[in-house]
Amino acid sequence: MNLTAQEFADFIRHHRLSIHMSRKQFAEELGVKKITYDQWEQGRNLAKDAPHVISSVRQVVKKNIRRQGVHS
């Protein structure tokens, strides 16, 4: 998987916003420091293990969609 830092940033931002979560909350869900997440989302750094992070992002989104569906 060859992603640029900006493509990675766009991916995680889109998914975070789709579940109406703050950067801090999303970072906590992913198990990373907020400053690390901020650098990813701003396109300043690409996660060393981007494929794993992408998988984790998808899991967080699925979990939160289910949670929102239960409370809707």
C-alpha atoms as a PDB file:
ATOM      1  CA  MET A   1       0.000   0.000   0.000  1.00  0.00           C
ATOM      2  CA  ASN A   2       1.593   3.251  -1.117  1.00  0.00           C
ATOM      3  CA  LEU A   3      -0.154   6.189   0.488  1.00  0.00           C
ATOM      4  CA  THR A   4       1.123   9.710   0.718  1.00  0.00           C
ATOM      5  CA  ALA A   5       0.914  11.453   4.069  1.00  0.00           C
ATOM      6  CA  GLN A   6      -1.879  13.647   2.656  1.00  0.00           C
ATOM      7  CA  GLU A   7      -3.917  10.675   1.407  1.00  0.00           C
ATOM      8  CA  PHE A   8      -3.571   9.054   4.811  1.00  0.00           C
ATOM      9  CA  ALA A   9      -4.591  12.328   6.483  1.00  0.00           C
ATOM     10  CA  ASP A  10      -7.670  12.638   4.286  1.00  0.00           C
ATOM     11  CA  PHE A  11      -8.661   9.028   5.018  1.00  0.00           C
ATOM     12  CA  ILE A  12      -8.463   9.304   8.807  1.00  0.00           C
ATOM     13  CA  ARG A  13     -10.100  12.772   8.891  1.00  0.00           C
ATOM     14  CA  HIS A  14     -13.000  11.599   6.732  1.00  0.00           C
ATOM     15  CA  HIS A  15     -13.619   8.576   8.934  1.00  0.00           C
ATOM     16  CA  ARG A  16     -13.283  10.519  12.199  1.00  0.00           C
ATOM     17  CA  LEU A  17     -15.766  13.123  11.034  1.00  0.00           C
ATOM     18  CA  SER A  18     -18.173  10.453   9.791  1.00  0.00           C
ATOM     19  CA  ILE A  19     -18.725   9.366  13.403  1.00  0.00           C
ATOM     20  CA  HIS A  20     -18.649  12.903  14.868  1.00  0.00           C
ATOM     21  CA  MET A  21     -15.658  12.254  17.091  1.00  0.00           C
ATOM     22  CA  SER A  22     -13.062  14.754  18.299  1.00  0.00           C
ATOM     23  CA  ARG A  23      -9.403  14.293  17.466  1.00  0.00           C
ATOM     24  CA  LYS A  24      -8.700  13.518  21.107  1.00  0.00           C
ATOM     25  CA  GLN A  25     -11.423  10.864  21.283  1.00  0.00           C
ATOM     26  CA  PHE A  26     -10.312   9.280  18.013  1.00  0.00           C
ATOM     27  CA  ALA A  27      -6.670   9.202  19.120  1.00  0.00           C
ATOM     28  CA  GLU A  28      -7.710   7.495  22.358  1.00  0.00           C
ATOM     29  CA  GLU A  29      -9.746   4.934  20.421  1.00  0.00           C
ATOM     30  CA  LEU A  30      -6.715   4.216  18.230  1.00  0.00           C
ATOM     31  CA  GLY A  31      -4.410   4.009  21.240  1.00  0.00           C
ATOM     32  CA  VAL A  32      -2.101   6.837  20.190  1.00  0.00           C
ATOM     33  CA  LYS A  33      -1.191  10.192  21.695  1.00  0.00           C
ATOM     34  CA  LYS A  34      -3.225  13.139  20.467  1.00  0.00           C
ATOM     35  CA  ILE A  35      -0.114  14.893  19.169  1.00  0.00           C
ATOM     36  CA  THR A  36       0.682  11.828  17.023  1.00  0.00           C
ATOM     37  CA  TYR A  37      -2.859  11.734  15.688  1.00  0.00           C
ATOM     38  CA  ASP A  38      -2.775  15.483  14.988  1.00  0.00           C
ATOM     39  CA  GLN A  39       0.406  15.095  12.942  1.00  0.00           C
ATOM     40  CA  TRP A  40      -1.180  12.289  10.936  1.00  0.00           C
ATOM     41  CA  GLU A  41      -4.385  14.208  10.272  1.00  0.00           C
ATOM     42  CA  GLN A  42      -2.509  17.353   9.306  1.00  0.00           C
ATOM     43  CA  GLY A  43      -0.473  15.359   6.781  1.00  0.00           C
ATOM     44  CA  ARG A  44       2.820  16.084   8.529  1.00  0.00           C
ATOM     45  CA  ASN A  45       3.627  12.430   9.227  1.00  0.00           C
ATOM     46  CA  LEU A  46       2.548   9.106   7.849  1.00  0.00           C
ATOM     47  CA  ALA A  47       1.994   6.329  10.380  1.00  0.00           C
ATOM     48  CA  LYS A  48       4.883   3.854  10.333  1.00  0.00           C
ATOM     49  CA  ASP A  49       2.377   1.021  10.067  1.00  0.00           C
ATOM     50  CA  ALA A  50      -0.287   2.781   8.002  1.00  0.00           C
ATOM     51  CA  PRO A  51      -2.070  -0.436   6.894  1.00  0.00           C
ATOM     52  CA  HIS A  52      -2.543  -1.449  10.529  1.00  0.00           C
ATOM     53  CA  VAL A  53      -3.784   2.026  11.475  1.00  0.00           C
ATOM     54  CA  ILE A  54      -6.225   1.990   8.544  1.00  0.00           C
ATOM     55  CA  SER A  55      -7.573  -1.329   9.771  1.00  0.00           C
ATOM     56  CA  SER A  56      -7.921   0.090  13.286  1.00  0.00           C
ATOM     57  CA  VAL A  57      -9.706   3.182  11.934  1.00  0.00           C
ATOM     58  CA  ARG A  58     -12.235   0.965  10.175  1.00  0.00           C
ATOM     59  CA  GLN A  59     -12.808  -1.024  13.394  1.00  0.00           C
ATOM     60  CA  VAL A  60     -13.352   2.153  15.434  1.00  0.00           C
ATOM     61  CA  VAL A  61     -15.839   3.451  12.857  1.00  0.00           C
ATOM     62  CA  LYS A  62     -17.769   0.153  12.787  1.00  0.00           C
ATOM     63  CA  LYS A  63     -17.891   0.007  16.585  1.00  0.00           C
ATOM     64  CA  ASN A  64     -19.165   3.564  16.838  1.00  0.00           C
ATOM     65  CA  ILE A  65     -21.739   3.151  14.079  1.00  0.00           C
ATOM     66  CA  ARG A  66     -23.127   0.147  15.960  1.00  0.00           C
ATOM     67  CA  ARG A  67     -23.103   2.158  19.181  1.00  0.00           C
ATOM     68  CA  GLN A  68     -24.931   5.063  17.509  1.00  0.00           C
ATOM     69  CA  GLY A  69     -27.449   2.667  15.979  1.00  0.00           C
ATOM     70  CA  VAL A  70     -28.259   1.243  19.382  1.00  0.00           C
ATOM     71  CA  HIS A  71     -28.838   4.720  20.792  1.00  0.00           C
ATOM     72  CA  SER A  72     -30.772   6.087  17.817  1.00  0.00           C
END
